[in-house]
C-alpha atoms as a PDB file:
ATOM      1  CA  MET A   1     -21.305  -5.204 -16.866  1.00  0.00           C
ATOM      2  CA  SER A   2     -19.366  -3.262 -14.272  1.00  0.00           C
ATOM      3  CA  ALA A   3     -19.541  -3.834 -10.555  1.00  0.00           C
ATOM      4  CA  SER A   4     -20.832  -0.463  -9.433  1.00  0.00           C
ATOM      5  CA  THR A   5     -23.948   0.567  -7.589  1.00  0.00           C
ATOM      6  CA  PRO A   6     -26.479   3.267  -8.368  1.00  0.00           C
ATOM      7  CA  SER A   7     -25.030   5.171  -5.405  1.00  0.00           C
ATOM      8  CA  ALA A   8     -21.678   5.195  -7.217  1.00  0.00           C
ATOM      9  CA  ALA A   9     -23.336   6.934 -10.147  1.00  0.00           C
ATOM     10  CA  ALA A  10     -25.017   9.370  -7.773  1.00  0.00           C
ATOM     11  CA  ALA A  11     -21.682  10.088  -6.077  1.00  0.00           C
ATOM     12  CA  LEU A  12     -20.063  10.778  -9.432  1.00  0.00           C
ATOM     13  CA  ALA A  13     -22.924  13.069 -10.424  1.00  0.00           C
ATOM     14  CA  ALA A  14     -22.680  14.949  -7.124  1.00  0.00           C
ATOM     15  CA  ASP A  15     -18.938  15.369  -7.629  1.00  0.00           C
ATOM     16  CA  LEU A  16     -19.594  16.776 -11.087  1.00  0.00           C
ATOM     17  CA  GLU A  17     -22.014  19.363  -9.741  1.00  0.00           C
ATOM     18  CA  SER A  18     -19.587  20.440  -7.013  1.00  0.00           C
ATOM     19  CA  GLY A  19     -16.482  19.990  -9.191  1.00  0.00           C
ATOM     20  CA  ASP A  20     -13.355  22.075  -8.808  1.00  0.00           C
ATOM     21  CA  ALA A  21     -13.655  23.884 -12.142  1.00  0.00           C
ATOM     22  CA  GLY A  22     -14.616  27.094 -10.322  1.00  0.00           C
ATOM     23  CA  GLU A  23     -11.309  27.125  -8.468  1.00  0.00           C
ATOM     24  CA  LEU A  24      -9.327  26.783 -11.707  1.00  0.00           C
ATOM     25  CA  ALA A  25     -11.686  28.560 -14.093  1.00  0.00           C
ATOM     26  CA  ASP A  26      -9.000  30.250 -16.200  1.00  0.00           C
ATOM     27  CA  ALA A  27      -6.385  27.507 -15.966  1.00  0.00           C
ATOM     28  CA  SER A  28      -5.286  25.416 -18.905  1.00  0.00           C
ATOM     29  CA  PHE A  29      -3.387  22.154 -18.928  1.00  0.00           C
ATOM     30  CA  THR A  30      -1.361  20.130 -21.379  1.00  0.00           C
ATOM     31  CA  ILE A  31      -1.788  16.406 -21.778  1.00  0.00           C
ATOM     32  CA  THR A  32       1.520  15.978 -19.917  1.00  0.00           C
ATOM     33  CA  ASP A  33       0.283  18.116 -17.004  1.00  0.00           C
ATOM     34  CA  LEU A  34      -2.824  15.980 -16.612  1.00  0.00           C
ATOM     35  CA  ALA A  35      -0.972  12.703 -17.056  1.00  0.00           C
ATOM     36  CA  ARG A  36       1.401  13.649 -14.237  1.00  0.00           C
ATOM     37  CA  GLU A  37      -1.335  14.983 -11.971  1.00  0.00           C
ATOM     38  CA  PHE A  38      -3.515  11.885 -12.256  1.00  0.00           C
ATOM     39  CA  ASP A  39      -0.669   9.363 -12.626  1.00  0.00           C
ATOM     40  CA  ILE A  40      -1.885   8.023 -15.955  1.00  0.00           C
ATOM     41  CA  THR A  41      -0.332   7.912 -19.400  1.00  0.00           C
ATOM     42  CA  PRO A  42      -0.977  10.460 -22.143  1.00  0.00           C
ATOM     43  CA  ARG A  43      -2.203   7.494 -24.180  1.00  0.00           C
ATOM     44  CA  ALA A  44      -4.947   6.876 -21.591  1.00  0.00           C
ATOM     45  CA  ILE A  45      -6.029  10.513 -21.853  1.00  0.00           C
ATOM     46  CA  ARG A  46      -6.121  10.269 -25.646  1.00  0.00           C
ATOM     47  CA  PHE A  47      -8.212   7.086 -25.283  1.00  0.00           C
ATOM     48  CA  TYR A  48     -10.750   8.932 -23.113  1.00  0.00           C
ATOM     49  CA  GLU A  49     -10.794  11.665 -25.747  1.00  0.00           C
ATOM     50  CA  ASP A  50     -11.446   9.055 -28.474  1.00  0.00           C
ATOM     51  CA  GLN A  51     -14.327   7.708 -26.365  1.00  0.00           C
ATOM     52  CA  GLY A  52     -15.923  11.169 -26.266  1.00  0.00           C
ATOM     53  CA  LEU A  53     -15.275  11.783 -22.581  1.00  0.00           C
ATOM     54  CA  LEU A  54     -12.883  14.674 -23.196  1.00  0.00           C
ATOM     55  CA  ALA A  55     -12.781  17.368 -25.875  1.00  0.00           C
ATOM     56  CA  PRO A  56      -9.676  19.540 -25.500  1.00  0.00           C
ATOM     57  CA  ASP A  57      -9.041  22.626 -27.574  1.00  0.00           C
ATOM     58  CA  ARG A  58      -6.518  22.120 -30.358  1.00  0.00           C
ATOM     59  CA  GLN A  59      -3.762  24.660 -30.912  1.00  0.00           C
ATOM     60  CA  GLY A  60      -0.646  25.014 -32.985  1.00  0.00           C
ATOM     61  CA  PRO A  61       0.054  23.854 -36.530  1.00  0.00           C
ATOM     62  CA  GLY A  62      -2.562  21.353 -37.591  1.00  0.00           C
ATOM     63  CA  GLY A  63      -4.146  21.428 -34.135  1.00  0.00           C
ATOM     64  CA  ARG A  64      -1.567  18.978 -32.827  1.00  0.00           C
ATOM     65  CA  ARG A  65      -1.270  20.492 -29.341  1.00  0.00           C
ATOM     66  CA  ARG A  66      -4.078  19.595 -26.954  1.00  0.00           C
ATOM     67  CA  VAL A  67      -5.037  22.227 -24.386  1.00  0.00           C
ATOM     68  CA  TYR A  68      -7.361  21.127 -21.611  1.00  0.00           C
ATOM     69  CA  SER A  69      -9.545  23.597 -19.744  1.00  0.00           C
ATOM     70  CA  ALA A  70     -10.411  23.358 -16.063  1.00  0.00           C
ATOM     71  CA  GLY A  71     -13.715  21.794 -17.120  1.00  0.00           C
ATOM     72  CA  GLU A  72     -11.916  19.099 -19.133  1.00  0.00           C
ATOM     73  CA  ARG A  73      -9.644  18.472 -16.142  1.00  0.00           C
ATOM     74  CA  THR A  74     -12.736  17.974 -13.993  1.00  0.00           C
ATOM     75  CA  ARG A  75     -14.217  15.589 -16.578  1.00  0.00           C
ATOM     76  CA  LEU A  76     -10.985  13.559 -16.519  1.00  0.00           C
ATOM     77  CA  LYS A  77     -10.947  13.532 -12.725  1.00  0.00           C
ATOM     78  CA  LEU A  78     -14.548  12.321 -12.633  1.00  0.00           C
ATOM     79  CA  THR A  79     -13.909   9.774 -15.376  1.00  0.00           C
ATOM     80  CA  LEU A  80     -11.111   8.271 -13.304  1.00  0.00           C
ATOM     81  CA  ARG A  81     -13.258   8.353 -10.173  1.00  0.00           C
ATOM     82  CA  GLY A  82     -16.098   6.662 -12.050  1.00  0.00           C
ATOM     83  CA  LYS A  83     -13.717   3.920 -13.199  1.00  0.00           C
ATOM     84  CA  ARG A  84     -12.599   3.371  -9.591  1.00  0.00           C
ATOM     85  CA  LEU A  85     -16.259   3.111  -8.590  1.00  0.00           C
ATOM     86  CA  GLY A  86     -16.756   0.417 -11.217  1.00  0.00           C
ATOM     87  CA  LEU A  87     -18.764   2.381 -13.768  1.00  0.00           C
ATOM     88  CA  SER A  88     -18.307   1.636 -17.458  1.00  0.00           C
ATOM     89  CA  LEU A  89     -17.084   4.384 -19.783  1.00  0.00           C
ATOM     90  CA  GLY A  90     -20.556   4.510 -21.319  1.00  0.00           C
ATOM     91  CA  GLU A  91     -22.140   5.064 -17.913  1.00  0.00           C
ATOM     92  CA  ILE A  92     -19.582   7.738 -17.069  1.00  0.00           C
ATOM     93  CA  LYS A  93     -20.169   9.516 -20.379  1.00  0.00           C
ATOM     94  CA  GLU A  94     -23.919   9.421 -19.849  1.00  0.00           C
ATOM     95  CA  ILE A  95     -23.547  10.993 -16.401  1.00  0.00           C
ATOM     96  CA  LEU A  96     -21.115  13.657 -17.618  1.00  0.00           C
ATOM     97  CA  ASP A  97     -23.320  14.516 -20.596  1.00  0.00           C
ATOM     98  CA  LEU A  98     -26.467  14.554 -18.485  1.00  0.00           C
ATOM     99  CA  TYR A  99     -25.062  17.112 -16.081  1.00  0.00           C
ATOM    100  CA  GLU A 100     -23.721  19.336 -18.849  1.00  0.00           C
ATOM    101  CA  SER A 101     -27.044  19.455 -20.679  1.00  0.00           C
ATOM    102  CA  PRO A 102     -29.978  21.689 -19.780  1.00  0.00           C
ATOM    103  CA  ARG A 103     -31.517  20.734 -16.461  1.00  0.00           C
ATOM    104  CA  ASP A 104     -34.689  18.643 -16.216  1.00  0.00           C
ATOM    105  CA  THR A 105     -34.396  17.097 -19.655  1.00  0.00           C
ATOM    106  CA  VAL A 106     -37.046  14.417 -19.212  1.00  0.00           C
ATOM    107  CA  PRO A 107     -35.859  11.932 -21.873  1.00  0.00           C
ATOM    108  CA  GLN A 108     -32.284  12.055 -20.561  1.00  0.00           C
ATOM    109  CA  LEU A 109     -33.385  11.573 -16.970  1.00  0.00           C
ATOM    110  CA  GLU A 110     -35.648   8.683 -17.952  1.00  0.00           C
ATOM    111  CA  ARG A 111     -32.815   7.052 -19.903  1.00  0.00           C
ATOM    112  CA  PHE A 112     -30.475   7.467 -16.945  1.00  0.00           C
ATOM    113  CA  LEU A 113     -33.037   5.939 -14.566  1.00  0.00           C
ATOM    114  CA  ALA A 114     -33.518   2.994 -16.934  1.00  0.00           C
ATOM    115  CA  SER A 115     -29.755   2.509 -17.068  1.00  0.00           C
ATOM    116  CA  LEU A 116     -29.554   2.538 -13.277  1.00  0.00           C
ATOM    117  CA  ALA A 117     -32.405   0.017 -13.016  1.00  0.00           C
ATOM    118  CA  GLN A 118     -30.681  -2.315 -15.461  1.00  0.00           C
ATOM    119  CA  HIS A 119     -27.403  -1.945 -13.613  1.00  0.00           C
ATOM    120  CA  ARG A 120     -29.138  -2.674 -10.297  1.00  0.00           C
ATOM    121  CA  ALA A 121     -30.682  -5.865 -11.745  1.00  0.00           C
ATOM    122  CA  VAL A 122     -27.294  -7.105 -12.944  1.00  0.00           C
ATOM    123  CA  LEU A 123     -25.694  -6.352  -9.588  1.00  0.00           C
ATOM    124  CA  THR A 124     -28.538  -8.041  -7.716  1.00  0.00           C
ATOM    125  CA  GLN A 125     -28.025 -11.209  -9.767  1.00  0.00           C
ATOM    126  CA  GLN A 126     -24.280 -11.057  -9.204  1.00  0.00           C
ATOM    127  CA  LEU A 127     -24.872 -10.651  -5.465  1.00  0.00           C
ATOM    128  CA  GLU A 128     -27.180 -13.682  -5.422  1.00  0.00           C
ATOM    129  CA  ASP A 129     -24.557 -15.710  -7.288  1.00  0.00           C
ATOM    130  CA  LEU A 130     -21.847 -14.630  -4.851  1.00  0.00           C
ATOM    131  CA  ASN A 131     -24.028 -15.455  -1.850  1.00  0.00           C
ATOM    132  CA  ALA A 132     -24.661 -18.948  -3.258  1.00  0.00           C
ATOM    133  CA  GLN A 133     -20.927 -19.460  -3.746  1.00  0.00           C
ATOM    134  CA  LEU A 134     -20.215 -18.241  -0.216  1.00  0.00           C
ATOM    135  CA  ALA A 135     -22.820 -20.648   1.189  1.00  0.00           C
ATOM    136  CA  GLU A 136     -21.149 -23.506  -0.673  1.00  0.00           C
ATOM    137  CA  ILE A 137     -17.749 -22.482   0.704  1.00  0.00           C
ATOM    138  CA  ASP A 138     -19.244 -22.333   4.219  1.00  0.00           C
ATOM    139  CA  GLN A 139     -20.576 -25.873   3.793  1.00  0.00           C
ATOM    140  CA  HIS A 140     -17.187 -27.177   2.634  1.00  0.00           C
ATOM    141  CA  GLU A 141     -15.429 -25.381   5.504  1.00  0.00           C
ATOM    142  CA  ARG A 142     -17.769 -26.946   8.082  1.00  0.00           C
ATOM    143  CA  GLN A 143     -17.259 -30.398   6.602  1.00  0.00           C
ATOM    144  CA  CYS A 144     -13.488 -29.922   6.490  1.00  0.00           C
ATOM    145  CA  ARG A 145     -13.389 -28.690  10.108  1.00  0.00           C
ATOM    146  CA  ARG A 146     -15.398 -31.731  11.269  1.00  0.00           C
ATOM    147  CA  LEU A 147     -12.996 -34.027   9.446  1.00  0.00           C
ATOM    148  CA  LEU A 148     -10.029 -32.182  10.945  1.00  0.00           C
ATOM    149  CA  VAL A 149     -11.414 -32.463  14.491  1.00  0.00           C
ATOM    150  CA  ASP A 150     -12.072 -36.170  13.974  1.00  0.00           C
ATOM    151  CA  ALA A 151      -8.584 -36.689  12.530  1.00  0.00           C
ATOM    152  CA  GLN A 152      -6.938 -34.826  15.411  1.00  0.00           C
ATOM    153  CA  ALA A 153      -8.934 -36.889  17.923  1.00  0.00           C
ATOM    154  CA  GLY A 154      -7.792 -40.070  16.258  1.00  0.00           C
ATOM    155  CA  THR A 155     -11.328 -41.163  15.530  1.00  0.00           C
ATOM    156  CA  GLY A 156     -11.382 -40.004  12.003  1.00  0.00           C
ATOM    157  CA  LYS A 157     -12.034 -42.435   9.286  1.00  0.00           C
ATOM    158  CA  PRO A 158     -10.016 -42.015   6.148  1.00  0.00           C
ATOM    159  CA  PRO A 159     -12.058 -40.356   3.441  1.00  0.00           C
ATOM    160  CA  LYS A 160     -13.598 -42.691   0.926  1.00  0.00           C
ATOM    161  CA  ARG A 161     -11.855 -42.677  -2.391  1.00  0.00           C
ATOM    162  CA  ARG A 162     -13.960 -42.543  -5.465  1.00  0.00           C
ATOM    163  CA  LYS A 163     -13.325 -45.149  -8.087  1.00  0.00           C
ATOM    164  CA  ALA A 164     -12.091 -43.818 -11.366  1.00  0.00           C
ATOM    165  CA  ALA A 165     -14.668 -44.015 -14.090  1.00  0.00           C
END
């Protein structure tokens, strides 16, 4: 599971609602434009498209040329921000889809809340595990510092060697 927090999901959702699509409403972008702007490869953009995060218009013979709207640009921007926040692609897609669907869709909101609760539980366990590891490191540091002080004072006893089994 990713290492995000529910507040990361909320931040991504807030960014989606206030996105910059209004500023660029009539703009269109090629895959190369977006790759340059966001410093990613066209292959990464195609991957996000394959994952259902982006849906560009297709133009030209056989629909080979991808044309991204301002809304698709915003979705890519938020996808990348969500990745930086530690959200999985599934979580990002759920947030993007939720905010593009009709408001107050009870089943979607309930599913999103359940996802956040599950994510919180995983993060809480990870935090407990990290705190236990940090406590163990603290204990080893204290012991090592005591041994160092004793060794520097010349009163230190050499550490006992364990016999090989």
